[in-house]
Amino acid sequence: MTTCWYEGPLAAFDTETTGVDVETDRIVSAAVVVQDAPGIRPRVSRWLVNPGVPVPAEATAVHGLTEEHLQRNGRWPAPVMFEIAEALAEQAQAGRPVVVMNAPFDLTLFDRELRRHRASALSRWFESAPLFVLDPRVLDKHLDRYRKGRRTLTDLCAHYGVALEGAHDAAADAVAALEVTRAVGRRFASRLERLAPGELHTLQAVWHAAQARGLQAWFARSGVEESVDPAWPLRPDLPAAA
């Protein structure tokens, strides 16, 4: 019998950044973790980046990385972005799904960093083998849509009984997101176990778009002037200014 995806090999990717704007903010640390089977210690690759721009105090308050520390210990972005892209391409080649919590944030910001420092779009790295993404936020929201409350990584860890040690460290968050995704798979096994990662990737794009429309409608009713991007797992380029 074939092992279903949530009991098989998974990888996860996470970043810490200078802020929350995917178009202008920068990566200050990143991690890719690979776990060959549940319960096995994951292999962790970490990167620390000197972003070459100021690191706001609000960002440091979240992840604890100061501008001074990054200037002293971080590497230049260009080689780091190349190495991260290589690490993700390696997962795609191996057919290993990659867990990315709130994928449109991390993957879009990473795509913009690749364009900025390597003149290369993220999609170029997956021309020979597609990247199958698992986003625990999208999965949980679709499978348990009427549950009240927030759905941050901390909230999902509490809900699914996953230990989160050292939150807002890229490697710790990546491992926790991976464990939450396995837990979601097990809890909703009857709805997920027959789906291959490629099918699930396609479905999550549909589910995320529906979730975005729902949030947009809620914003409209509440008088909130904010637009919600339906694209998943990567937001398209902004149109160039005329």
C-alpha atoms as a PDB file:
ATOM      1  CA  MET A   1       0.000   0.000   0.000  1.00  0.00           C
ATOM      2  CA  THR A   2       1.292   3.438  -0.947  1.00  0.00           C
ATOM      3  CA  THR A   3       2.031   5.790   1.939  1.00  0.00           C
ATOM      4  CA  CYS A   4      -0.247   8.836   1.847  1.00  0.00           C
ATOM      5  CA  TRP A   5       1.520  12.174   1.554  1.00  0.00           C
ATOM      6  CA  TYR A   6       1.177  13.242   5.203  1.00  0.00           C
ATOM      7  CA  GLU A   7       2.945  10.068   6.409  1.00  0.00           C
ATOM      8  CA  GLY A   8       5.692  10.343   3.777  1.00  0.00           C
ATOM      9  CA  PRO A   9       8.688  12.611   3.134  1.00  0.00           C
ATOM     10  CA  LEU A  10       7.973  16.342   3.483  1.00  0.00           C
ATOM     11  CA  ALA A  11      10.074  19.506   3.381  1.00  0.00           C
ATOM     12  CA  ALA A  12       9.236  22.974   4.721  1.00  0.00           C
ATOM     13  CA  PHE A  13      10.386  26.526   3.978  1.00  0.00           C
ATOM     14  CA  ASP A  14      10.158  29.650   6.127  1.00  0.00           C
ATOM     15  CA  THR A  15      11.636  33.146   6.187  1.00  0.00           C
ATOM     16  CA  GLU A  16      12.060  36.002   8.629  1.00  0.00           C
ATOM     17  CA  THR A  17      11.953  39.450   7.042  1.00  0.00           C
ATOM     18  CA  THR A  18      12.309  43.210   7.476  1.00  0.00           C
ATOM     19  CA  GLY A  19       8.523  43.630   7.272  1.00  0.00           C
ATOM     20  CA  VAL A  20       5.285  42.461   5.667  1.00  0.00           C
ATOM     21  CA  ASP A  21       5.380  44.069   2.204  1.00  0.00           C
ATOM     22  CA  VAL A  22       6.277  41.320  -0.272  1.00  0.00           C
ATOM     23  CA  GLU A  23       7.291  43.855  -2.923  1.00  0.00           C
ATOM     24  CA  THR A  24       9.728  45.935  -0.876  1.00  0.00           C
ATOM     25  CA  ASP A  25      10.734  44.035   2.267  1.00  0.00           C
ATOM     26  CA  ARG A  26      13.777  41.760   2.474  1.00  0.00           C
ATOM     27  CA  ILE A  27      14.677  38.336   3.839  1.00  0.00           C
ATOM     28  CA  VAL A  28      16.963  38.376   6.899  1.00  0.00           C
ATOM     29  CA  SER A  29      16.901  34.643   7.640  1.00  0.00           C
ATOM     30  CA  ALA A  30      15.518  31.518   6.023  1.00  0.00           C
ATOM     31  CA  ALA A  31      15.366  27.779   6.574  1.00  0.00           C
ATOM     32  CA  VAL A  32      14.580  24.670   4.559  1.00  0.00           C
ATOM     33  CA  VAL A  33      13.910  21.533   6.597  1.00  0.00           C
ATOM     34  CA  VAL A  34      13.517  18.006   5.226  1.00  0.00           C
ATOM     35  CA  GLN A  35      11.878  15.143   7.111  1.00  0.00           C
ATOM     36  CA  ASP A  36      11.945  11.703   5.470  1.00  0.00           C
ATOM     37  CA  ALA A  37       9.179  10.271   7.661  1.00  0.00           C
ATOM     38  CA  PRO A  38       7.146  11.284  10.745  1.00  0.00           C
ATOM     39  CA  GLY A  39       9.133  11.216  13.968  1.00  0.00           C
ATOM     40  CA  ILE A  40      12.532  11.334  12.246  1.00  0.00           C
ATOM     41  CA  ARG A  41      14.779  14.264  13.113  1.00  0.00           C
ATOM     42  CA  PRO A  42      14.591  16.744  10.220  1.00  0.00           C
ATOM     43  CA  ARG A  43      17.661  17.897   8.291  1.00  0.00           C
ATOM     44  CA  VAL A  44      17.877  21.682   8.622  1.00  0.00           C
ATOM     45  CA  SER A  45      19.537  24.209   6.295  1.00  0.00           C
ATOM     46  CA  ARG A  46      19.659  27.783   7.618  1.00  0.00           C
ATOM     47  CA  TRP A  47      20.671  31.099   6.091  1.00  0.00           C
ATOM     48  CA  LEU A  48      21.372  34.444   7.771  1.00  0.00           C
ATOM     49  CA  VAL A  49      21.287  37.451   5.445  1.00  0.00           C
ATOM     50  CA  ASN A  50      22.661  40.977   5.661  1.00  0.00           C
ATOM     51  CA  PRO A  51      19.821  42.587   3.689  1.00  0.00           C
ATOM     52  CA  GLY A  52      21.745  45.783   2.933  1.00  0.00           C
ATOM     53  CA  VAL A  53      18.786  47.894   4.096  1.00  0.00           C
ATOM     54  CA  PRO A  54      17.726  49.099   7.564  1.00  0.00           C
ATOM     55  CA  VAL A  55      16.011  46.516   9.781  1.00  0.00           C
ATOM     56  CA  PRO A  56      13.062  48.219  11.524  1.00  0.00           C
ATOM     57  CA  ALA A  57      12.764  47.854  15.296  1.00  0.00           C
ATOM     58  CA  GLU A  58       9.286  46.328  14.807  1.00  0.00           C
ATOM     59  CA  ALA A  59      10.801  43.508  12.740  1.00  0.00           C
ATOM     60  CA  THR A  60      13.591  42.914  15.276  1.00  0.00           C
ATOM     61  CA  ALA A  61      10.912  42.756  18.008  1.00  0.00           C
ATOM     62  CA  VAL A  62       9.354  39.805  16.130  1.00  0.00           C
ATOM     63  CA  HIS A  63      12.415  37.716  15.188  1.00  0.00           C
ATOM     64  CA  GLY A  64      15.125  39.108  17.462  1.00  0.00           C
ATOM     65  CA  LEU A  65      17.610  39.791  14.641  1.00  0.00           C
ATOM     66  CA  THR A  66      19.146  43.240  14.904  1.00  0.00           C
ATOM     67  CA  GLU A  67      20.648  45.219  12.046  1.00  0.00           C
ATOM     68  CA  GLU A  68      24.040  45.112  13.777  1.00  0.00           C
ATOM     69  CA  HIS A  69      23.915  41.315  14.212  1.00  0.00           C
ATOM     70  CA  LEU A  70      22.963  40.818  10.553  1.00  0.00           C
ATOM     71  CA  GLN A  71      25.696  43.168   9.335  1.00  0.00           C
ATOM     72  CA  ARG A  72      28.250  41.260  11.390  1.00  0.00           C
ATOM     73  CA  ASN A  73      27.054  37.694  10.774  1.00  0.00           C
ATOM     74  CA  GLY A  74      24.771  37.767   7.736  1.00  0.00           C
ATOM     75  CA  ARG A  75      25.871  36.912   4.192  1.00  0.00           C
ATOM     76  CA  TRP A  76      25.199  38.986   1.090  1.00  0.00           C
ATOM     77  CA  PRO A  77      21.764  38.257  -0.401  1.00  0.00           C
ATOM     78  CA  ALA A  78      22.746  37.188  -3.949  1.00  0.00           C
ATOM     79  CA  PRO A  79      24.498  33.874  -3.121  1.00  0.00           C
ATOM     80  CA  VAL A  80      21.951  33.084  -0.387  1.00  0.00           C
ATOM     81  CA  MET A  81      18.980  33.504  -2.747  1.00  0.00           C
ATOM     82  CA  PHE A  82      20.684  31.161  -5.223  1.00  0.00           C
ATOM     83  CA  GLU A  83      21.265  28.527  -2.514  1.00  0.00           C
ATOM     84  CA  ILE A  84      17.664  28.684  -1.255  1.00  0.00           C
ATOM     85  CA  ALA A  85      16.332  28.346  -4.818  1.00  0.00           C
ATOM     86  CA  GLU A  86      18.631  25.343  -5.332  1.00  0.00           C
ATOM     87  CA  ALA A  87      17.382  23.778  -2.086  1.00  0.00           C
ATOM     88  CA  LEU A  88      13.730  24.198  -3.131  1.00  0.00           C
ATOM     89  CA  ALA A  89      14.439  22.912  -6.658  1.00  0.00           C
ATOM     90  CA  GLU A  90      16.042  19.849  -5.071  1.00  0.00           C
ATOM     91  CA  GLN A  91      12.765  19.132  -3.227  1.00  0.00           C
ATOM     92  CA  ALA A  92      10.829  19.455  -6.488  1.00  0.00           C
ATOM     93  CA  GLN A  93      13.227  17.083  -8.267  1.00  0.00           C
ATOM     94  CA  ALA A  94      12.792  14.567  -5.442  1.00  0.00           C
ATOM     95  CA  GLY A  95       8.988  14.900  -5.657  1.00  0.00           C
ATOM     96  CA  ARG A  96       8.932  16.011  -2.029  1.00  0.00           C
ATOM     97  CA  PRO A  97       6.058  18.408  -1.220  1.00  0.00           C
ATOM     98  CA  VAL A  98       7.150  21.632   0.511  1.00  0.00           C
ATOM     99  CA  VAL A  99       5.138  23.017   3.423  1.00  0.00           C
ATOM    100  CA  VAL A 100       4.946  26.834   3.404  1.00  0.00           C
ATOM    101  CA  MET A 101       2.712  28.467   5.998  1.00  0.00           C
ATOM    102  CA  ASN A 102       0.895  31.374   4.294  1.00  0.00           C
ATOM    103  CA  ALA A 103       2.743  30.561   1.062  1.00  0.00           C
ATOM    104  CA  PRO A 104       1.808  33.720  -0.886  1.00  0.00           C
ATOM    105  CA  PHE A 105       3.823  35.772   1.609  1.00  0.00           C
ATOM    106  CA  ASP A 106       7.068  33.772   1.806  1.00  0.00           C
ATOM    107  CA  LEU A 107       7.164  32.567  -1.795  1.00  0.00           C
ATOM    108  CA  THR A 108       6.258  35.949  -3.306  1.00  0.00           C
ATOM    109  CA  LEU A 109       8.788  37.801  -1.171  1.00  0.00           C
ATOM    110  CA  PHE A 110      11.420  35.199  -2.077  1.00  0.00           C
ATOM    111  CA  ASP A 111      10.542  35.544  -5.786  1.00  0.00           C
ATOM    112  CA  ARG A 112      11.066  39.319  -5.544  1.00  0.00           C
ATOM    113  CA  GLU A 113      14.415  38.788  -3.790  1.00  0.00           C
ATOM    114  CA  LEU A 114      15.528  36.445  -6.600  1.00  0.00           C
ATOM    115  CA  ARG A 115      14.542  39.051  -9.186  1.00  0.00           C
ATOM    116  CA  ARG A 116      16.294  41.793  -7.219  1.00  0.00           C
ATOM    117  CA  HIS A 117      19.580  39.949  -6.614  1.00  0.00           C
ATOM    118  CA  ARG A 118      19.713  37.255  -9.315  1.00  0.00           C
ATOM    119  CA  ALA A 119      17.602  38.755 -12.153  1.00  0.00           C
ATOM    120  CA  SER A 120      15.691  35.463 -12.086  1.00  0.00           C
ATOM    121  CA  ALA A 121      12.054  34.569 -11.317  1.00  0.00           C
ATOM    122  CA  LEU A 122      11.313  31.739  -8.872  1.00  0.00           C
ATOM    123  CA  SER A 123       9.377  29.882 -11.585  1.00  0.00           C
ATOM    124  CA  ARG A 124      12.603  29.386 -13.576  1.00  0.00           C
ATOM    125  CA  TRP A 125      13.805  26.929 -10.939  1.00  0.00           C
ATOM    126  CA  PHE A 126      10.821  24.630 -11.454  1.00  0.00           C
ATOM    127  CA  GLU A 127      10.794  24.313 -15.236  1.00  0.00           C
ATOM    128  CA  SER A 128      11.915  20.663 -15.158  1.00  0.00           C
ATOM    129  CA  ALA A 129      10.012  19.561 -12.023  1.00  0.00           C
ATOM    130  CA  PRO A 130       7.047  21.373 -10.435  1.00  0.00           C
ATOM    131  CA  LEU A 131       7.075  22.491  -6.805  1.00  0.00           C
ATOM    132  CA  PHE A 132       4.098  21.051  -4.915  1.00  0.00           C
ATOM    133  CA  VAL A 133       3.245  23.338  -1.998  1.00  0.00           C
ATOM    134  CA  LEU A 134       1.240  22.444   1.123  1.00  0.00           C
ATOM    135  CA  ASP A 135      -0.052  25.473   3.030  1.00  0.00           C
ATOM    136  CA  PRO A 136      -1.424  24.496   6.460  1.00  0.00           C
ATOM    137  CA  ARG A 137      -3.300  27.801   6.697  1.00  0.00           C
ATOM    138  CA  VAL A 138      -5.232  27.146   3.493  1.00  0.00           C
ATOM    139  CA  LEU A 139      -5.791  23.465   4.328  1.00  0.00           C
ATOM    140  CA  ASP A 140      -7.041  24.153   7.856  1.00  0.00           C
ATOM    141  CA  LYS A 141      -9.269  27.027   6.740  1.00  0.00           C
ATOM    142  CA  HIS A 142     -10.902  24.889   4.059  1.00  0.00           C
ATOM    143  CA  LEU A 143     -11.277  21.683   6.071  1.00  0.00           C
ATOM    144  CA  ASP A 144     -12.464  23.346   9.295  1.00  0.00           C
ATOM    145  CA  ARG A 145     -13.958  26.501   7.873  1.00  0.00           C
ATOM    146  CA  TYR A 146     -16.496  27.280  10.605  1.00  0.00           C
ATOM    147  CA  ARG A 147     -14.047  27.192  13.517  1.00  0.00           C
ATOM    148  CA  LYS A 148     -13.806  30.581  15.208  1.00  0.00           C
ATOM    149  CA  GLY A 149     -10.543  32.310  16.014  1.00  0.00           C
ATOM    150  CA  ARG A 150      -7.306  33.247  14.332  1.00  0.00           C
ATOM    151  CA  ARG A 151      -5.166  30.856  12.312  1.00  0.00           C
ATOM    152  CA  THR A 152      -1.599  32.006  12.804  1.00  0.00           C
ATOM    153  CA  LEU A 153       1.070  29.320  13.117  1.00  0.00           C
ATOM    154  CA  THR A 154       0.938  29.691  16.919  1.00  0.00           C
ATOM    155  CA  ASP A 155      -2.854  29.204  16.853  1.00  0.00           C
ATOM    156  CA  LEU A 156      -2.636  26.163  14.572  1.00  0.00           C
ATOM    157  CA  CYS A 157       0.061  24.595  16.750  1.00  0.00           C
ATOM    158  CA  ALA A 158      -2.165  25.026  19.818  1.00  0.00           C
ATOM    159  CA  HIS A 159      -5.201  23.628  18.001  1.00  0.00           C
ATOM    160  CA  TYR A 160      -3.410  20.562  16.590  1.00  0.00           C
ATOM    161  CA  GLY A 161      -1.246  19.897  19.659  1.00  0.00           C
ATOM    162  CA  VAL A 162       2.090  20.674  18.006  1.00  0.00           C
ATOM    163  CA  ALA A 163       4.973  22.011  20.109  1.00  0.00           C
ATOM    164  CA  LEU A 164       6.347  25.339  18.828  1.00  0.00           C
ATOM    165  CA  GLU A 165       9.693  26.053  20.430  1.00  0.00           C
ATOM    166  CA  GLY A 166      11.411  29.296  19.487  1.00  0.00           C
ATOM    167  CA  ALA A 167       8.608  30.877  17.440  1.00  0.00           C
ATOM    168  CA  HIS A 168       9.752  33.365  14.789  1.00  0.00           C
ATOM    169  CA  ASP A 169      12.967  31.479  14.208  1.00  0.00           C
ATOM    170  CA  ALA A 170      12.775  30.358  10.562  1.00  0.00           C
ATOM    171  CA  ALA A 171      13.860  26.759  11.273  1.00  0.00           C
ATOM    172  CA  ALA A 172      11.573  26.361  14.322  1.00  0.00           C
ATOM    173  CA  ASP A 173       8.610  27.783  12.388  1.00  0.00           C
ATOM    174  CA  ALA A 174       9.324  25.544   9.380  1.00  0.00           C
ATOM    175  CA  VAL A 175       9.437  22.407  11.554  1.00  0.00           C
ATOM    176  CA  ALA A 176       6.233  23.421  13.365  1.00  0.00           C
ATOM    177  CA  ALA A 177       4.412  24.135  10.077  1.00  0.00           C
ATOM    178  CA  LEU A 178       5.496  20.714   8.790  1.00  0.00           C
ATOM    179  CA  GLU A 179       4.161  18.983  11.916  1.00  0.00           C
ATOM    180  CA  VAL A 180       0.877  20.937  11.746  1.00  0.00           C
ATOM    181  CA  THR A 181       0.466  19.864   8.111  1.00  0.00           C
ATOM    182  CA  ARG A 182       0.919  16.203   9.068  1.00  0.00           C
ATOM    183  CA  ALA A 183      -1.613  16.698  11.881  1.00  0.00           C
ATOM    184  CA  VAL A 184      -4.144  18.285   9.491  1.00  0.00           C
ATOM    185  CA  GLY A 185      -3.631  15.335   7.133  1.00  0.00           C
ATOM    186  CA  ARG A 186      -4.335  12.818   9.890  1.00  0.00           C
ATOM    187  CA  ARG A 187      -7.346  14.673  11.286  1.00  0.00           C
ATOM    188  CA  PHE A 188      -8.979  14.977   7.858  1.00  0.00           C
ATOM    189  CA  ALA A 189      -7.625  11.712   6.459  1.00  0.00           C
ATOM    190  CA  SER A 190     -10.952  10.687   4.945  1.00  0.00           C
ATOM    191  CA  ARG A 191     -10.923  13.824   2.772  1.00  0.00           C
ATOM    192  CA  LEU A 192      -7.198  13.991   2.014  1.00  0.00           C
ATOM    193  CA  GLU A 193      -5.623  10.536   1.881  1.00  0.00           C
ATOM    194  CA  ARG A 194      -6.619   9.776  -1.717  1.00  0.00           C
ATOM    195  CA  LEU A 195      -5.222  13.065  -3.030  1.00  0.00           C
ATOM    196  CA  ALA A 196      -1.729  13.212  -4.506  1.00  0.00           C
ATOM    197  CA  PRO A 197       0.362  16.334  -3.699  1.00  0.00           C
ATOM    198  CA  GLY A 198      -0.079  17.621  -7.263  1.00  0.00           C
ATOM    199  CA  GLU A 199      -3.871  17.394  -7.010  1.00  0.00           C
ATOM    200  CA  LEU A 200      -3.805  19.011  -3.583  1.00  0.00           C
ATOM    201  CA  HIS A 201      -1.609  21.843  -4.897  1.00  0.00           C
ATOM    202  CA  THR A 202      -4.239  22.613  -7.570  1.00  0.00           C
ATOM    203  CA  LEU A 203      -7.108  22.375  -5.072  1.00  0.00           C
ATOM    204  CA  GLN A 204      -5.408  24.731  -2.593  1.00  0.00           C
ATOM    205  CA  ALA A 205      -5.190  27.413  -5.303  1.00  0.00           C
ATOM    206  CA  VAL A 206      -8.990  27.118  -5.732  1.00  0.00           C
ATOM    207  CA  TRP A 207      -9.626  27.033  -1.975  1.00  0.00           C
ATOM    208  CA  HIS A 208      -7.385  30.049  -1.325  1.00  0.00           C
ATOM    209  CA  ALA A 209      -9.138  32.070  -4.040  1.00  0.00           C
ATOM    210  CA  ALA A 210     -12.518  31.278  -2.433  1.00  0.00           C
ATOM    211  CA  GLN A 211     -11.143  32.216   1.007  1.00  0.00           C
ATOM    212  CA  ALA A 212      -9.825  35.501  -0.424  1.00  0.00           C
ATOM    213  CA  ARG A 213     -13.225  36.316  -1.953  1.00  0.00           C
ATOM    214  CA  GLY A 214     -14.890  35.620   1.396  1.00  0.00           C
ATOM    215  CA  LEU A 215     -12.450  37.874   3.235  1.00  0.00           C
ATOM    216  CA  GLN A 216     -12.858  40.610   0.601  1.00  0.00           C
ATOM    217  CA  ALA A 217     -16.628  40.486   1.032  1.00  0.00           C
ATOM    218  CA  TRP A 218     -16.233  40.697   4.819  1.00  0.00           C
ATOM    219  CA  PHE A 219     -13.921  43.726   4.432  1.00  0.00           C
ATOM    220  CA  ALA A 220     -16.499  45.381   2.156  1.00  0.00           C
ATOM    221  CA  ARG A 221     -19.269  44.826   4.712  1.00  0.00           C
ATOM    222  CA  SER A 222     -17.046  46.158   7.487  1.00  0.00           C
ATOM    223  CA  GLY A 223     -16.001  49.251   5.517  1.00  0.00           C
ATOM    224  CA  VAL A 224     -12.335  48.170   5.462  1.00  0.00           C
ATOM    225  CA  GLU A 225     -10.449  49.524   2.428  1.00  0.00           C
ATOM    226  CA  GLU A 226      -8.129  46.606   1.823  1.00  0.00           C
ATOM    227  CA  SER A 227      -7.759  44.341  -1.202  1.00  0.00           C
ATOM    228  CA  VAL A 228      -7.119  40.604  -0.790  1.00  0.00           C
ATOM    229  CA  ASP A 229      -5.015  38.901  -3.452  1.00  0.00           C
ATOM    230  CA  PRO A 230      -6.601  35.577  -4.529  1.00  0.00           C
ATOM    231  CA  ALA A 231      -3.357  34.234  -6.069  1.00  0.00           C
ATOM    232  CA  TRP A 232      -1.730  31.166  -4.478  1.00  0.00           C
ATOM    233  CA  PRO A 233       1.010  30.061  -3.869  1.00  0.00           C
ATOM    234  CA  LEU A 234       2.699  33.015  -5.613  1.00  0.00           C
ATOM    235  CA  ARG A 235       1.345  36.478  -6.360  1.00  0.00           C
ATOM    236  CA  PRO A 236       1.817  37.714  -9.919  1.00  0.00           C
ATOM    237  CA  ASP A 237       4.145  40.602 -10.724  1.00  0.00           C
ATOM    238  CA  LEU A 238       2.863  44.078 -10.167  1.00  0.00           C
ATOM    239  CA  PRO A 239       2.202  45.705 -13.546  1.00  0.00           C
ATOM    240  CA  ALA A 240       5.042  48.065 -14.423  1.00  0.00           C
ATOM    241  CA  ALA A 241       4.157  51.732 -14.004  1.00  0.00           C
ATOM    242  CA  ALA A 242       3.304  53.313 -17.358  1.00  0.00           C
END
